[in-house]
């Protein structure tokens, strides 16, 4: 069996068995390297060479984590949630409210990958204030989870901005080039449109079939839950919006998510929304939040390098 197929199959099997994704990638790389004729030493060397190439990706995630925490501290996500709650609660027609909320969560999820690249950081900021409205609308939370998952994954499959820049350009095309493939003229977005359509099919199934029926939740428990309100000022909101525009603009101009996230974070510091004395804490909090994703990306680079070192990627591509 081709070592690449064996390694990917082993990694996916371990992941389905609920093995941590980093461990799954590590064991998959070892299996693929040994099956491809590499010695244990050569496999580990290739893996180590690969993870060094993930340093820029890890730094991107660290800075984006800090940027996300700064946005959260500005109060912008909480203000958005409260505005949505007020508008929803003062509207008539539960059917319309339900679809408005689903559309809102879908748009925010998509924006978190490309327009405002803060990844999963918006979830603990935006979702808790909306739980009461969801329960009152009898909205199945499993449907909400599917909508958010679609928004978190599909955009970086097809849009080469934000996390899509990392995934499409640095990981997919970057590793293809390292494997010796000619990537000139390749439109990776066209290829990724196939799995993206699968995500669309899954979303439609969740919305229209699986979780469309009303679901009862205990309103009392949600009402009695402790609610914390962030202090929001016009200055902090204006700064957050300006930082988002700055980060997106710098990213497009320089082609670097690192520079975009840095520009946004520095704007928070310059305006005093994030105090200079709190900068270390905000940065460390952001790194912790994005650490798992960053380590997964780094490990995947090592996994890819081991498969490239086996020399069995090209035969597999030709056979396809």
Protein backbone atom coordinates (compact mmCIF):
# COMPACT_ATOMS: atom_id res chain seq x y z
CA UNK A 1 0.00 0.00 0.00
CA UNK A 2 1.17 3.53 -0.78
CA UNK A 3 2.77 5.05 2.33
CA UNK A 4 0.84 8.31 1.88
CA UNK A 5 -2.51 6.52 1.83
CA UNK A 6 -1.49 4.43 4.85
CA UNK A 7 -0.32 7.47 6.84
CA UNK A 8 -3.44 9.52 6.08
CA UNK A 9 -5.67 6.53 6.80
CA UNK A 10 -3.96 5.89 10.13
CA UNK A 11 -4.20 9.57 11.09
CA UNK A 12 -7.90 9.75 10.24
CA UNK A 13 -8.64 6.48 12.07
CA UNK A 14 -6.90 7.70 15.22
CA UNK A 15 -8.76 11.01 15.01
CA UNK A 16 -12.10 9.20 14.66
CA UNK A 17 -11.18 7.16 17.75
CA UNK A 18 -10.94 10.50 19.58
CA UNK A 19 -7.16 10.53 19.79
CA UNK A 20 -5.88 14.11 20.09
CA UNK A 21 -5.22 15.51 16.63
CA UNK A 22 -1.57 16.33 17.39
CA UNK A 23 -0.89 12.75 18.54
CA UNK A 24 -2.79 11.42 15.51
CA UNK A 25 -0.56 13.46 13.19
CA UNK A 26 2.59 12.35 14.99
CA UNK A 27 1.71 8.65 14.85
CA UNK A 28 0.50 8.98 11.25
CA UNK A 29 3.82 10.55 10.28
CA UNK A 30 5.77 7.72 11.95
CA UNK A 31 3.65 5.05 10.24
CA UNK A 32 3.95 6.75 6.85
CA UNK A 33 7.70 7.26 7.15
CA UNK A 34 8.45 3.69 8.17
CA UNK A 35 6.04 2.27 5.55
CA UNK A 36 7.72 4.42 2.90
CA UNK A 37 11.11 2.88 3.57
CA UNK A 38 12.56 5.58 5.82
CA UNK A 39 14.42 4.65 8.96
CA UNK A 40 13.15 5.89 12.29
CA UNK A 41 15.99 8.41 12.39
CA UNK A 42 15.26 9.67 8.87
CA UNK A 43 11.56 9.92 9.68
CA UNK A 44 12.22 12.00 12.77
CA UNK A 45 14.69 14.20 10.89
CA UNK A 46 12.15 14.89 8.15
CA UNK A 47 9.50 15.62 10.77
CA UNK A 48 11.79 18.07 12.59
CA UNK A 49 12.64 19.80 9.31
CA UNK A 50 8.96 20.13 8.57
CA UNK A 51 7.91 21.70 11.86
CA UNK A 52 10.49 24.45 11.45
CA UNK A 53 8.53 25.51 8.36
CA UNK A 54 5.46 25.96 10.54
CA UNK A 55 7.03 28.72 12.62
CA UNK A 56 5.46 31.53 10.58
CA UNK A 57 2.05 29.87 10.82
CA UNK A 58 2.39 29.55 14.59
CA UNK A 59 3.41 33.20 14.91
CA UNK A 60 0.41 34.21 12.81
CA UNK A 61 -1.93 32.36 15.14
CA UNK A 62 -0.27 33.82 18.23
CA UNK A 63 -0.67 37.39 16.98
CA UNK A 64 -4.22 36.74 15.80
CA UNK A 65 -5.03 35.35 19.23
CA UNK A 66 -3.76 38.53 20.86
CA UNK A 67 -5.73 40.61 18.35
CA UNK A 68 -8.88 38.61 19.13
CA UNK A 69 -8.51 39.11 22.88
CA UNK A 70 -8.02 42.85 22.32
CA UNK A 71 -11.26 42.96 20.30
CA UNK A 72 -13.05 41.09 23.07
CA UNK A 73 -11.76 43.52 25.70
CA UNK A 74 -13.03 46.44 23.63
CA UNK A 75 -16.56 45.14 24.23
CA UNK A 76 -17.46 44.97 20.53
CA UNK A 77 -18.64 41.31 20.51
CA UNK A 78 -20.77 41.86 23.62
CA UNK A 79 -22.27 45.03 22.14
CA UNK A 80 -23.16 43.14 18.97
CA UNK A 81 -24.81 40.39 20.99
CA UNK A 82 -26.84 42.83 23.07
CA UNK A 83 -27.96 44.72 19.97
CA UNK A 84 -29.05 41.48 18.36
CA UNK A 85 -30.93 40.41 21.50
CA UNK A 86 -32.81 43.73 21.72
CA UNK A 87 -33.81 43.67 18.08
CA UNK A 88 -34.86 40.05 18.25
CA UNK A 89 -36.87 40.47 21.43
CA UNK A 90 -38.77 43.48 20.08
CA UNK A 91 -39.62 41.85 16.78
CA UNK A 92 -42.75 39.90 16.01
CA UNK A 93 -42.90 36.45 14.45
CA UNK A 94 -40.78 33.68 15.91
CA UNK A 95 -40.12 32.11 12.51
CA UNK A 96 -38.48 35.28 11.26
CA UNK A 97 -36.53 35.66 14.49
CA UNK A 98 -35.16 32.16 14.18
CA UNK A 99 -33.86 32.64 10.65
CA UNK A 100 -32.48 36.08 11.47
CA UNK A 101 -30.48 34.62 14.33
CA UNK A 102 -29.21 31.72 12.23
CA UNK A 103 -28.16 34.14 9.47
CA UNK A 104 -26.44 36.40 12.01
CA UNK A 105 -24.42 33.54 13.49
CA UNK A 106 -23.51 32.28 10.03
CA UNK A 107 -22.27 35.71 8.92
CA UNK A 108 -20.24 36.25 12.08
CA UNK A 109 -18.68 32.78 11.76
CA UNK A 110 -17.69 33.43 8.15
CA UNK A 111 -16.27 36.86 9.01
CA UNK A 112 -14.17 35.33 11.82
CA UNK A 113 -12.12 33.46 9.22
CA UNK A 114 -11.45 36.17 6.66
CA UNK A 115 -12.77 39.67 7.32
CA UNK A 116 -12.08 39.71 11.09
CA UNK A 117 -9.67 36.77 11.51
CA UNK A 118 -10.23 35.93 15.17
CA UNK A 119 -11.22 32.29 14.54
CA UNK A 120 -13.10 30.69 17.47
CA UNK A 121 -12.58 33.63 19.83
CA UNK A 122 -16.00 35.10 19.05
CA UNK A 123 -17.89 32.06 20.41
CA UNK A 124 -17.51 32.65 24.18
CA UNK A 125 -18.09 36.36 23.63
CA UNK A 126 -21.17 36.24 21.40
CA UNK A 127 -23.04 33.01 22.14
CA UNK A 128 -23.77 33.20 25.93
CA UNK A 129 -25.79 36.44 25.68
CA UNK A 130 -27.89 34.83 22.94
CA UNK A 131 -28.73 31.61 24.80
CA UNK A 132 -31.93 33.02 26.33
CA UNK A 133 -33.27 34.09 22.93
CA UNK A 134 -32.33 30.71 21.44
CA UNK A 135 -34.21 28.92 24.22
CA UNK A 136 -37.26 31.15 23.87
CA UNK A 137 -37.32 30.48 20.13
CA UNK A 138 -36.94 26.73 20.82
CA UNK A 139 -33.96 26.78 18.48
CA UNK A 140 -32.05 23.52 18.47
CA UNK A 141 -28.51 24.26 19.64
CA UNK A 142 -27.18 21.44 17.49
CA UNK A 143 -28.33 23.47 14.49
CA UNK A 144 -26.43 26.48 15.86
CA UNK A 145 -23.32 24.30 16.24
CA UNK A 146 -23.61 23.16 12.61
CA UNK A 147 -24.03 26.74 11.35
CA UNK A 148 -20.99 27.92 13.33
CA UNK A 149 -18.91 24.94 12.17
CA UNK A 150 -19.82 25.67 8.56
CA UNK A 151 -18.78 29.29 8.99
CA UNK A 152 -15.51 28.36 10.71
CA UNK A 153 -14.40 25.84 8.08
CA UNK A 154 -15.81 26.61 4.64
CA UNK A 155 -14.47 30.18 4.15
CA UNK A 156 -10.80 29.22 4.49
CA UNK A 157 -11.39 26.44 1.95
CA UNK A 158 -12.31 28.84 -0.81
CA UNK A 159 -11.30 32.42 0.10
CA UNK A 160 -7.52 33.16 0.05
CA UNK A 161 -7.77 35.87 2.71
CA UNK A 162 -7.23 35.59 6.45
CA UNK A 163 -6.98 31.97 7.53
CA UNK A 164 -7.62 31.04 3.91
CA UNK A 165 -4.26 32.62 3.07
CA UNK A 166 -2.55 30.26 5.53
CA UNK A 167 -4.45 27.16 4.46
CA UNK A 168 -4.60 27.62 0.68
CA UNK A 169 -1.30 29.33 -0.02
CA UNK A 170 1.09 28.39 2.77
CA UNK A 171 -0.10 24.86 3.51
CA UNK A 172 -1.73 23.41 0.37
CA UNK A 173 0.22 25.14 -2.38
CA UNK A 174 3.36 25.43 -0.24
CA UNK A 175 3.53 21.71 0.45
CA UNK A 176 2.65 20.87 -3.15
CA UNK A 177 5.59 22.98 -4.31
CA UNK A 178 7.91 21.31 -1.79
CA UNK A 179 6.81 17.94 -3.12
CA UNK A 180 8.14 18.95 -6.54
CA UNK A 181 4.82 19.66 -8.22
CA UNK A 182 4.47 22.49 -10.72
CA UNK A 183 1.86 24.78 -9.12
CA UNK A 184 1.90 27.43 -11.86
CA UNK A 185 -1.57 28.11 -13.13
CA UNK A 186 -3.21 25.98 -10.42
CA UNK A 187 -6.38 27.50 -9.01
CA UNK A 188 -6.59 25.77 -5.66
CA UNK A 189 -9.92 27.43 -4.91
CA UNK A 190 -11.54 25.48 -7.74
CA UNK A 191 -10.26 22.22 -6.30
CA UNK A 192 -11.36 23.10 -2.77
CA UNK A 193 -14.81 23.99 -4.05
CA UNK A 194 -15.58 20.24 -4.05
CA UNK A 195 -15.25 19.73 -0.26
CA UNK A 196 -16.80 23.16 0.25
CA UNK A 197 -19.91 21.97 -1.60
CA UNK A 198 -19.96 19.01 0.77
CA UNK A 199 -20.05 21.47 3.67
CA UNK A 200 -22.93 23.30 1.99
CA UNK A 201 -24.82 20.03 1.62
CA UNK A 202 -24.24 19.24 5.29
CA UNK A 203 -25.44 22.68 6.34
CA UNK A 204 -28.62 22.39 4.28
CA UNK A 205 -29.26 18.95 5.75
CA UNK A 206 -28.88 20.30 9.29
CA UNK A 207 -31.04 23.38 8.66
CA UNK A 208 -33.83 21.77 6.64
CA UNK A 209 -33.93 18.17 7.91
CA UNK A 210 -31.96 17.07 10.95
CA UNK A 211 -32.46 19.92 13.43
CA UNK A 212 -35.31 22.00 12.03
CA UNK A 213 -37.86 20.90 14.67
CA UNK A 214 -38.35 22.99 17.84
CA UNK A 215 -36.43 21.84 20.91
CA UNK A 216 -37.34 22.65 24.51
CA UNK A 217 -34.77 24.09 26.93
CA UNK A 218 -35.11 25.20 30.54
CA UNK A 219 -35.58 28.96 30.47
CA UNK A 220 -35.29 29.15 34.25
CA UNK A 221 -31.76 27.82 34.33
CA UNK A 222 -30.67 30.29 31.66
CA UNK A 223 -32.39 33.23 33.37
CA UNK A 224 -30.76 32.37 36.69
CA UNK A 225 -27.30 32.01 35.17
CA UNK A 226 -24.87 34.74 36.11
CA UNK A 227 -24.52 37.38 33.43
CA UNK A 228 -21.51 39.63 33.16
CA UNK A 229 -21.61 42.87 31.27
CA UNK A 230 -18.57 44.34 29.63
CA UNK A 231 -17.99 48.06 29.95
CA UNK A 232 -18.37 49.48 26.50
CA UNK A 233 -17.49 53.01 25.47
CA UNK A 234 -17.83 54.73 22.10
CA UNK A 235 -14.04 55.09 22.02
CA UNK A 236 -13.41 51.37 22.48
CA UNK A 237 -16.01 50.45 19.86
CA UNK A 238 -14.59 52.95 17.37
CA UNK A 239 -11.08 51.67 18.03
CA UNK A 240 -12.16 48.06 17.54
CA UNK A 241 -13.77 48.88 14.19
CA UNK A 242 -10.72 50.90 13.11
CA UNK A 243 -8.39 48.07 14.19
CA UNK A 244 -10.40 45.55 12.16
CA UNK A 245 -10.21 47.76 9.07
CA UNK A 246 -6.48 48.34 9.65
CA UNK A 247 -5.73 44.64 10.10
CA UNK A 248 -7.65 43.69 6.97
CA UNK A 249 -6.12 46.48 4.87
CA UNK A 250 -2.54 45.80 5.99
CA UNK A 251 -3.02 42.10 5.37
CA UNK A 252 -4.20 42.72 1.81
CA UNK A 253 -1.43 45.28 1.15
CA UNK A 254 1.47 43.22 2.56
CA UNK A 255 0.09 39.73 1.96
CA UNK A 256 0.95 38.89 5.56
CA UNK A 257 -1.48 37.98 8.33
CA UNK A 258 1.31 38.60 10.82
CA UNK A 259 1.62 42.24 9.79
CA UNK A 260 -2.17 42.66 9.68
CA UNK A 261 -2.70 41.29 13.19
CA UNK A 262 0.26 43.32 14.46
CA UNK A 263 -1.17 46.53 13.00
CA UNK A 264 -4.54 45.92 14.62
CA UNK A 265 -3.02 45.07 18.00
CA UNK A 266 -0.73 48.11 17.97
CA UNK A 267 -3.73 50.35 17.25
CA UNK A 268 -5.41 49.06 20.41
CA UNK A 269 -2.24 49.89 22.35
CA UNK A 270 -1.81 53.33 20.76
CA UNK A 271 -5.37 54.40 21.63
CA UNK A 272 -5.17 53.08 25.17
CA UNK A 273 -8.07 50.63 24.79
CA UNK A 274 -5.52 48.00 25.77
CA UNK A 275 -3.26 49.47 28.43
CA UNK A 276 0.47 49.13 27.88
CA UNK A 277 0.86 47.45 31.27
CA UNK A 278 -1.78 44.88 30.24
CA UNK A 279 -0.23 44.11 26.86
CA UNK A 280 1.72 41.08 28.09
CA UNK A 281 -1.38 39.60 29.69
CA UNK A 282 -3.51 40.14 26.60
CA UNK A 283 -0.84 38.64 24.35
CA UNK A 284 -0.36 35.61 26.61
CA UNK A 285 -4.12 35.07 26.82
CA UNK A 286 -4.35 35.15 23.04
CA UNK A 287 -1.50 32.67 22.68
CA UNK A 288 -3.18 30.27 25.10
CA UNK A 289 -6.46 30.51 23.22
CA UNK A 290 -4.86 29.73 19.85
CA UNK A 291 -2.16 27.34 21.10
CA UNK A 292 -3.96 24.13 20.17
CA UNK A 293 -4.69 25.34 16.63
CA UNK A 294 -1.11 26.57 16.25
CA UNK A 295 0.42 23.31 17.44
CA UNK A 296 -1.88 21.37 15.12
CA UNK A 297 -0.67 23.46 12.18
CA UNK A 298 2.99 23.00 13.16
CA UNK A 299 2.56 19.22 13.55
CA UNK A 300 0.77 19.00 10.21
CA UNK A 301 3.81 20.61 8.56
CA UNK A 302 6.01 17.87 10.03
CA UNK A 303 3.48 15.25 8.87
CA UNK A 304 3.57 16.65 5.32
CA UNK A 305 7.38 16.75 5.27
CA UNK A 306 7.64 13.08 6.27
CA UNK A 307 5.24 12.10 3.47
CA UNK A 308 7.24 14.17 1.01
CA UNK A 309 10.46 12.47 2.15
CA UNK A 310 9.01 9.01 1.36
CA UNK A 311 8.87 9.99 -2.32
CA UNK A 312 5.47 8.36 -2.71
CA UNK A 313 3.39 11.48 -3.26
CA UNK A 314 4.31 11.85 -6.96
CA UNK A 315 3.41 8.23 -7.87
CA UNK A 316 0.10 8.64 -6.07
CA UNK A 317 -0.68 11.84 -8.01
CA UNK A 318 0.27 10.23 -11.34
CA UNK A 319 -1.85 7.19 -10.57
CA UNK A 320 -4.82 9.48 -9.89
